[in-house]
Amino acid sequence: MLFLVFLLLLSLGFTQYGQIANYLLISIRLVLVAILSILFVREWWKYRHDPQGTENRVTPDAGDSALRRFRRWYYDSSR
């Protein structure tokens, strides 16, 4: 479904709404980059002094497990 939405937006590039579609796609990309950046900085900030979380008694939350899965996928490593 998402593919069809982006295909529709890309097809608008050949119409009079091309510039609007271009700005919309750029905005979507920047928002996704900002969200991922915030998540990665959050994880780095939380574990910068104590990677095991023992000193601060930090428990992993749902965001941490999602970031670990993304990191394993990106580096193509196993658990």
PDB file of N, CA and C in Angstrom:
ATOM      1  N   MET A   1       0.827  -1.191   0.000  1.00  0.00           N
ATOM      2  CA  MET A   1       0.000   0.000   0.000  1.00  0.00           C
ATOM      3  C   MET A   1       0.870   1.253   0.000  1.00  0.00           C
ATOM      4  N   LEU A   2       1.890   1.232   0.841  1.00  0.00           N
ATOM      5  CA  LEU A   2       2.785   2.382   0.911  1.00  0.00           C
ATOM      6  C   LEU A   2       3.504   2.591  -0.413  1.00  0.00           C
ATOM      7  N   PHE A   3       3.838   1.477  -1.082  1.00  0.00           N
ATOM      8  CA  PHE A   3       4.478   1.561  -2.385  1.00  0.00           C
ATOM      9  C   PHE A   3       3.578   2.282  -3.381  1.00  0.00           C
ATOM     10  N   LEU A   4       2.291   1.982  -3.352  1.00  0.00           N
ATOM     11  CA  LEU A   4       1.356   2.625  -4.270  1.00  0.00           C
ATOM     12  C   LEU A   4       1.225   4.122  -3.998  1.00  0.00           C
ATOM     13  N   VAL A   5       1.276   4.494  -2.723  1.00  0.00           N
ATOM     14  CA  VAL A   5       1.206   5.915  -2.369  1.00  0.00           C
ATOM     15  C   VAL A   5       2.425   6.651  -2.919  1.00  0.00           C
ATOM     16  N   PHE A   6       3.612   6.069  -2.744  1.00  0.00           N
ATOM     17  CA  PHE A   6       4.807   6.716  -3.265  1.00  0.00           C
ATOM     18  C   PHE A   6       4.819   6.720  -4.790  1.00  0.00           C
ATOM     19  N   LEU A   7       4.292   5.682  -5.400  1.00  0.00           N
ATOM     20  CA  LEU A   7       4.194   5.647  -6.852  1.00  0.00           C
ATOM     21  C   LEU A   7       3.263   6.749  -7.344  1.00  0.00           C
ATOM     22  N   LEU A   8       2.174   6.962  -6.640  1.00  0.00           N
ATOM     23  CA  LEU A   8       1.261   8.054  -6.978  1.00  0.00           C
ATOM     24  C   LEU A   8       1.959   9.397  -6.851  1.00  0.00           C
ATOM     25  N   LEU A   9       2.702   9.593  -5.768  1.00  0.00           N
ATOM     26  CA  LEU A   9       3.417  10.850  -5.582  1.00  0.00           C
ATOM     27  C   LEU A   9       4.466  11.068  -6.671  1.00  0.00           C
ATOM     28  N   LEU A  10       5.154   9.988  -7.054  1.00  0.00           N
ATOM     29  CA  LEU A  10       6.140  10.116  -8.118  1.00  0.00           C
ATOM     30  C   LEU A  10       5.479  10.405  -9.458  1.00  0.00           C
ATOM     31  N   SER A  11       4.307   9.850  -9.692  1.00  0.00           N
ATOM     32  CA  SER A  11       3.623  10.117 -10.958  1.00  0.00           C
ATOM     33  C   SER A  11       3.130  11.556 -11.024  1.00  0.00           C
ATOM     34  N   LEU A  12       2.942  12.181  -9.876  1.00  0.00           N
ATOM     35  CA  LEU A  12       2.543  13.590  -9.888  1.00  0.00           C
ATOM     36  C   LEU A  12       3.659  14.491 -10.409  1.00  0.00           C
ATOM     37  N   GLY A  13       4.873  13.961 -10.503  1.00  0.00           N
ATOM     38  CA  GLY A  13       5.994  14.739 -11.010  1.00  0.00           C
ATOM     39  C   GLY A  13       5.823  15.139 -12.463  1.00  0.00           C
ATOM     40  N   PHE A  14       4.967  14.449 -13.192  1.00  0.00           N
ATOM     41  CA  PHE A  14       4.738  14.753 -14.601  1.00  0.00           C
ATOM     42  C   PHE A  14       3.526  15.639 -14.807  1.00  0.00           C
ATOM     43  N   THR A  15       2.956  16.122 -13.735  1.00  0.00           N
ATOM     44  CA  THR A  15       1.791  16.996 -13.838  1.00  0.00           C
ATOM     45  C   THR A  15       2.156  18.367 -13.297  1.00  0.00           C
ATOM     46  N   GLN A  16       1.168  19.201 -13.182  1.00  0.00           N
ATOM     47  CA  GLN A  16       1.408  20.551 -12.665  1.00  0.00           C
ATOM     48  C   GLN A  16       1.696  20.547 -11.163  1.00  0.00           C
ATOM     49  N   TYR A  17       1.450  19.414 -10.502  1.00  0.00           N
ATOM     50  CA  TYR A  17       1.694  19.308  -9.069  1.00  0.00           C
ATOM     51  C   TYR A  17       3.061  18.701  -8.764  1.00  0.00           C
ATOM     52  N   GLY A  18       3.944  18.681  -9.722  1.00  0.00           N
ATOM     53  CA  GLY A  18       5.247  18.053  -9.564  1.00  0.00           C
ATOM     54  C   GLY A  18       6.083  18.667  -8.457  1.00  0.00           C
ATOM     55  N   GLN A  19       6.075  19.981  -8.365  1.00  0.00           N
ATOM     56  CA  GLN A  19       6.876  20.640  -7.345  1.00  0.00           C
ATOM     57  C   GLN A  19       6.332  20.349  -5.946  1.00  0.00           C
ATOM     58  N   ILE A  20       5.024  20.289  -5.810  1.00  0.00           N
ATOM     59  CA  ILE A  20       4.420  19.966  -4.513  1.00  0.00           C
ATOM     60  C   ILE A  20       4.764  18.533  -4.115  1.00  0.00           C
ATOM     61  N   ALA A  21       4.685  17.618  -5.080  1.00  0.00           N
ATOM     62  CA  ALA A  21       5.028  16.220  -4.795  1.00  0.00           C
ATOM     63  C   ALA A  21       6.493  16.100  -4.405  1.00  0.00           C
ATOM     64  N   ASN A  22       7.351  16.851  -5.062  1.00  0.00           N
ATOM     65  CA  ASN A  22       8.773  16.833  -4.737  1.00  0.00           C
ATOM     66  C   ASN A  22       9.007  17.311  -3.307  1.00  0.00           C
ATOM     67  N   TYR A  23       8.386  18.405  -2.937  1.00  0.00           N
ATOM     68  CA  TYR A  23       8.534  18.911  -1.566  1.00  0.00           C
ATOM     69  C   TYR A  23       7.972  17.935  -0.546  1.00  0.00           C
ATOM     70  N   LEU A  24       6.884  17.267  -0.891  1.00  0.00           N
ATOM     71  CA  LEU A  24       6.285  16.310   0.017  1.00  0.00           C
ATOM     72  C   LEU A  24       7.207  15.108   0.238  1.00  0.00           C
ATOM     73  N   LEU A  25       7.800  14.586  -0.825  1.00  0.00           N
ATOM     74  CA  LEU A  25       8.721  13.453  -0.687  1.00  0.00           C
ATOM     75  C   LEU A  25       9.976  13.847   0.087  1.00  0.00           C
ATOM     76  N   ILE A  26      10.485  15.039  -0.159  1.00  0.00           N
ATOM     77  CA  ILE A  26      11.653  15.518   0.590  1.00  0.00           C
ATOM     78  C   ILE A  26      11.313  15.658   2.065  1.00  0.00           C
ATOM     79  N   SER A  27      10.125  16.160   2.364  1.00  0.00           N
ATOM     80  CA  SER A  27       9.709  16.319   3.762  1.00  0.00           C
ATOM     81  C   SER A  27       9.574  14.973   4.458  1.00  0.00           C
ATOM     82  N   ILE A  28       8.991  14.000   3.765  1.00  0.00           N
ATOM     83  CA  ILE A  28       8.846  12.666   4.352  1.00  0.00           C
ATOM     84  C   ILE A  28      10.207  12.070   4.653  1.00  0.00           C
ATOM     85  N   ARG A  29      11.134  12.222   3.721  1.00  0.00           N
ATOM     86  CA  ARG A  29      12.480  11.680   3.931  1.00  0.00           C
ATOM     87  C   ARG A  29      13.171  12.360   5.110  1.00  0.00           C
ATOM     88  N   LEU A  30      13.072  13.677   5.198  1.00  0.00           N
ATOM     89  CA  LEU A  30      13.711  14.394   6.301  1.00  0.00           C
ATOM     90  C   LEU A  30      13.104  14.012   7.651  1.00  0.00           C
ATOM     91  N   VAL A  31      11.800  13.793   7.684  1.00  0.00           N
ATOM     92  CA  VAL A  31      11.151  13.382   8.939  1.00  0.00           C
ATOM     93  C   VAL A  31      11.650  12.005   9.357  1.00  0.00           C
ATOM     94  N   LEU A  32      11.752  11.073   8.410  1.00  0.00           N
ATOM     95  CA  LEU A  32      12.247   9.732   8.746  1.00  0.00           C
ATOM     96  C   LEU A  32      13.698   9.766   9.216  1.00  0.00           C
ATOM     97  N   VAL A  33      14.525  10.574   8.571  1.00  0.00           N
ATOM     98  CA  VAL A  33      15.919  10.706   9.001  1.00  0.00           C
ATOM     99  C   VAL A  33      15.995  11.316  10.401  1.00  0.00           C
ATOM    100  N   ALA A  34      15.158  12.296  10.666  1.00  0.00           N
ATOM    101  CA  ALA A  34      15.157  12.928  11.992  1.00  0.00           C
ATOM    102  C   ALA A  34      14.713  11.946  13.070  1.00  0.00           C
ATOM    103  N   ILE A  35      13.696  11.144  12.791  1.00  0.00           N
ATOM    104  CA  ILE A  35      13.220  10.172  13.776  1.00  0.00           C
ATOM    105  C   ILE A  35      14.300   9.137  14.076  1.00  0.00           C
ATOM    106  N   LEU A  36      14.931   8.601  13.032  1.00  0.00           N
ATOM    107  CA  LEU A  36      16.000   7.622  13.258  1.00  0.00           C
ATOM    108  C   LEU A  36      17.177   8.247  13.993  1.00  0.00           C
ATOM    109  N   SER A  37      17.509   9.482  13.669  1.00  0.00           N
ATOM    110  CA  SER A  37      18.616  10.151  14.350  1.00  0.00           C
ATOM    111  C   SER A  37      18.314  10.334  15.828  1.00  0.00           C
ATOM    112  N   ILE A  38      17.110  10.724  16.136  1.00  0.00           N
ATOM    113  CA  ILE A  38      16.727  10.915  17.543  1.00  0.00           C
ATOM    114  C   ILE A  38      16.798   9.593  18.297  1.00  0.00           C
ATOM    115  N   LEU A  39      16.327   8.513  17.675  1.00  0.00           N
ATOM    116  CA  LEU A  39      16.373   7.212  18.342  1.00  0.00           C
ATOM    117  C   LEU A  39      17.802   6.749  18.586  1.00  0.00           C
ATOM    118  N   PHE A  40      18.681   6.937  17.611  1.00  0.00           N
ATOM    119  CA  PHE A  40      20.055   6.503  17.785  1.00  0.00           C
ATOM    120  C   PHE A  40      20.800   7.366  18.794  1.00  0.00           C
ATOM    121  N   VAL A  41      20.571   8.661  18.797  1.00  0.00           N
ATOM    122  CA  VAL A  41      21.210   9.527  19.795  1.00  0.00           C
ATOM    123  C   VAL A  41      20.693   9.197  21.187  1.00  0.00           C
ATOM    124  N   ARG A  42      19.404   8.870  21.284  1.00  0.00           N
ATOM    125  CA  ARG A  42      18.830   8.488  22.580  1.00  0.00           C
ATOM    126  C   ARG A  42      19.512   7.243  23.127  1.00  0.00           C
ATOM    127  N   GLU A  43      19.713   6.251  22.268  1.00  0.00           N
ATOM    128  CA  GLU A  43      20.375   5.031  22.721  1.00  0.00           C
ATOM    129  C   GLU A  43      21.830   5.299  23.086  1.00  0.00           C
ATOM    130  N   TRP A  44      22.507   6.069  22.278  1.00  0.00           N
ATOM    131  CA  TRP A  44      23.907   6.379  22.562  1.00  0.00           C
ATOM    132  C   TRP A  44      24.006   7.137  23.879  1.00  0.00           C
ATOM    133  N   TRP A  45      23.143   8.102  24.101  1.00  0.00           N
ATOM    134  CA  TRP A  45      23.182   8.910  25.322  1.00  0.00           C
ATOM    135  C   TRP A  45      22.922   8.040  26.551  1.00  0.00           C
ATOM    136  N   LYS A  46      22.005   7.094  26.426  1.00  0.00           N
ATOM    137  CA  LYS A  46      21.645   6.260  27.570  1.00  0.00           C
ATOM    138  C   LYS A  46      22.799   5.337  27.969  1.00  0.00           C
ATOM    139  N   TYR A  47      23.531   4.812  27.009  1.00  0.00           N
ATOM    140  CA  TYR A  47      24.544   3.807  27.278  1.00  0.00           C
ATOM    141  C   TYR A  47      25.968   4.313  27.082  1.00  0.00           C
ATOM    142  N   ARG A  48      26.177   5.603  27.077  1.00  0.00           N
ATOM    143  CA  ARG A  48      27.521   6.110  26.780  1.00  0.00           C
ATOM    144  C   ARG A  48      28.519   5.817  27.892  1.00  0.00           C
ATOM    145  N   HIS A  49      28.090   5.766  29.147  1.00  0.00           N
ATOM    146  CA  HIS A  49      29.006   5.499  30.257  1.00  0.00           C
ATOM    147  C   HIS A  49      28.951   4.054  30.734  1.00  0.00           C
ATOM    148  N   ASP A  50      27.805   3.455  30.648  1.00  0.00           N
ATOM    149  CA  ASP A  50      27.608   2.117  31.198  1.00  0.00           C
ATOM    150  C   ASP A  50      26.890   1.240  30.174  1.00  0.00           C
ATOM    151  N   PRO A  51      27.646   0.585  29.295  1.00  0.00           N
ATOM    152  CA  PRO A  51      27.004  -0.180  28.225  1.00  0.00           C
ATOM    153  C   PRO A  51      26.131  -1.331  28.716  1.00  0.00           C
ATOM    154  N   GLN A  52      26.405  -1.873  29.888  1.00  0.00           N
ATOM    155  CA  GLN A  52      25.609  -2.985  30.403  1.00  0.00           C
ATOM    156  C   GLN A  52      24.365  -2.519  31.144  1.00  0.00           C
ATOM    157  N   GLY A  53      24.321  -1.246  31.535  1.00  0.00           N
ATOM    158  CA  GLY A  53      23.163  -0.732  32.247  1.00  0.00           C
ATOM    159  C   GLY A  53      23.118  -1.120  33.703  1.00  0.00           C
ATOM    160  N   THR A  54      24.238  -1.637  34.252  1.00  0.00           N
ATOM    161  CA  THR A  54      24.222  -2.110  35.635  1.00  0.00           C
ATOM    162  C   THR A  54      24.300  -0.966  36.633  1.00  0.00           C
ATOM    163  N   GLU A  55      25.072   0.053  36.318  1.00  0.00           N
ATOM    164  CA  GLU A  55      25.242   1.151  37.274  1.00  0.00           C
ATOM    165  C   GLU A  55      23.982   1.994  37.390  1.00  0.00           C
ATOM    166  N   ASN A  56      23.357   2.285  36.273  1.00  0.00           N
ATOM    167  CA  ASN A  56      22.183   3.156  36.273  1.00  0.00           C
ATOM    168  C   ASN A  56      20.877   2.393  36.443  1.00  0.00           C
ATOM    169  N   ARG A  57      20.943   1.057  36.501  1.00  0.00           N
ATOM    170  CA  ARG A  57      19.751   0.215  36.573  1.00  0.00           C
ATOM    171  C   ARG A  57      18.800   0.519  35.410  1.00  0.00           C
ATOM    172  N   VAL A  58      19.368   0.656  34.225  1.00  0.00           N
ATOM    173  CA  VAL A  58      18.581   0.958  33.040  1.00  0.00           C
ATOM    174  C   VAL A  58      18.029  -0.347  32.491  1.00  0.00           C
ATOM    175  N   THR A  59      16.733  -0.404  32.327  1.00  0.00           N
ATOM    176  CA  THR A  59      16.129  -1.586  31.733  1.00  0.00           C
ATOM    177  C   THR A  59      15.798  -1.282  30.275  1.00  0.00           C
ATOM    178  N   PRO A  60      16.035  -2.233  29.389  1.00  0.00           N
ATOM    179  CA  PRO A  60      15.713  -1.984  27.982  1.00  0.00           C
ATOM    180  C   PRO A  60      14.217  -1.869  27.772  1.00  0.00           C
ATOM    181  N   ASP A  61      13.831  -0.982  26.877  1.00  0.00           N
ATOM    182  CA  ASP A  61      12.421  -0.828  26.556  1.00  0.00           C
ATOM    183  C   ASP A  61      12.183  -1.262  25.113  1.00  0.00           C
ATOM    184  N   ALA A  62      10.983  -1.065  24.632  1.00  0.00           N
ATOM    185  CA  ALA A  62      10.622  -1.528  23.285  1.00  0.00           C
ATOM    186  C   ALA A  62      11.456  -0.826  22.224  1.00  0.00           C
ATOM    187  N   GLY A  63      11.785   0.439  22.434  1.00  0.00           N
ATOM    188  CA  GLY A  63      12.603   1.165  21.460  1.00  0.00           C
ATOM    189  C   GLY A  63      14.000   0.594  21.350  1.00  0.00           C
ATOM    190  N   ASP A  64      14.544   0.141  22.459  1.00  0.00           N
ATOM    191  CA  ASP A  64      15.887  -0.433  22.441  1.00  0.00           C
ATOM    192  C   ASP A  64      15.920  -1.736  21.658  1.00  0.00           C
ATOM    193  N   SER A  65      14.917  -2.578  21.840  1.00  0.00           N
ATOM    194  CA  SER A  65      14.918  -3.844  21.112  1.00  0.00           C
ATOM    195  C   SER A  65      14.730  -3.608  19.617  1.00  0.00           C
ATOM    196  N   ALA A  66      13.941  -2.609  19.250  1.00  0.00           N
ATOM    197  CA  ALA A  66      13.776  -2.290  17.830  1.00  0.00           C
ATOM    198  C   ALA A  66      15.092  -1.795  17.244  1.00  0.00           C
ATOM    199  N   LEU A  67      15.821  -0.988  18.003  1.00  0.00           N
ATOM    200  CA  LEU A  67      17.108  -0.503  17.516  1.00  0.00           C
ATOM    201  C   LEU A  67      18.120  -1.631  17.415  1.00  0.00           C
ATOM    202  N   ARG A  68      18.072  -2.584  18.353  1.00  0.00           N
ATOM    203  CA  ARG A  68      18.976  -3.728  18.266  1.00  0.00           C
ATOM    204  C   ARG A  68      18.666  -4.578  17.035  1.00  0.00           C
ATOM    205  N   ARG A  69      17.382  -4.788  16.764  1.00  0.00           N
ATOM    206  CA  ARG A  69      17.010  -5.546  15.562  1.00  0.00           C
ATOM    207  C   ARG A  69      17.463  -4.815  14.301  1.00  0.00           C
ATOM    208  N   PHE A  70      17.287  -3.497  14.274  1.00  0.00           N
ATOM    209  CA  PHE A  70      17.718  -2.721  13.113  1.00  0.00           C
ATOM    210  C   PHE A  70      19.231  -2.808  12.955  1.00  0.00           C
ATOM    211  N   ARG A  71      19.974  -2.736  14.054  1.00  0.00           N
ATOM    212  CA  ARG A  71      21.436  -2.812  13.995  1.00  0.00           C
ATOM    213  C   ARG A  71      21.885  -4.186  13.510  1.00  0.00           C
ATOM    214  N   ARG A  72      21.237  -5.259  14.010  1.00  0.00           N
ATOM    215  CA  ARG A  72      21.581  -6.604  13.548  1.00  0.00           C
ATOM    216  C   ARG A  72      21.290  -6.759  12.067  1.00  0.00           C
ATOM    217  N   TRP A  73      20.163  -6.187  11.591  1.00  0.00           N
ATOM    218  CA  TRP A  73      19.835  -6.260  10.172  1.00  0.00           C
ATOM    219  C   TRP A  73      20.858  -5.477   9.354  1.00  0.00           C
ATOM    220  N   TYR A  74      21.232  -4.289   9.825  1.00  0.00           N
ATOM    221  CA  TYR A  74      22.135  -3.423   9.082  1.00  0.00           C
ATOM    222  C   TYR A  74      23.523  -4.054   8.968  1.00  0.00           C
ATOM    223  N   TYR A  75      24.030  -4.614  10.056  1.00  0.00           N
ATOM    224  CA  TYR A  75      25.349  -5.208  10.039  1.00  0.00           C
ATOM    225  C   TYR A  75      25.320  -6.691   9.668  1.00  0.00           C
ATOM    226  N   ASP A  76      24.132  -7.223   9.400  1.00  0.00           N
ATOM    227  CA  ASP A  76      23.934  -8.597   8.989  1.00  0.00           C
ATOM    228  C   ASP A  76      24.594  -9.576   9.971  1.00  0.00           C
ATOM    229  N   SER A  77      24.293  -9.366  11.234  1.00  0.00           N
ATOM    230  CA  SER A  77      24.857 -10.232  12.263  1.00  0.00           C
ATOM    231  C   SER A  77      23.735 -11.036  12.923  1.00  0.00           C
ATOM    232  N   SER A  78      24.121 -12.117  13.538  1.00  0.00           N
ATOM    233  CA  SER A  78      23.138 -12.933  14.237  1.00  0.00           C
ATOM    234  C   SER A  78      23.046 -12.459  15.687  1.00  0.00           C
ATOM    235  N   ARG A  79      22.137 -13.052  16.410  1.00  0.00           N
ATOM    236  CA  ARG A  79      21.960 -12.678  17.817  1.00  0.00           C
ATOM    237  C   ARG A  79      23.194 -13.051  18.560  1.00  0.00           C
TER     238      ARG A  79
END
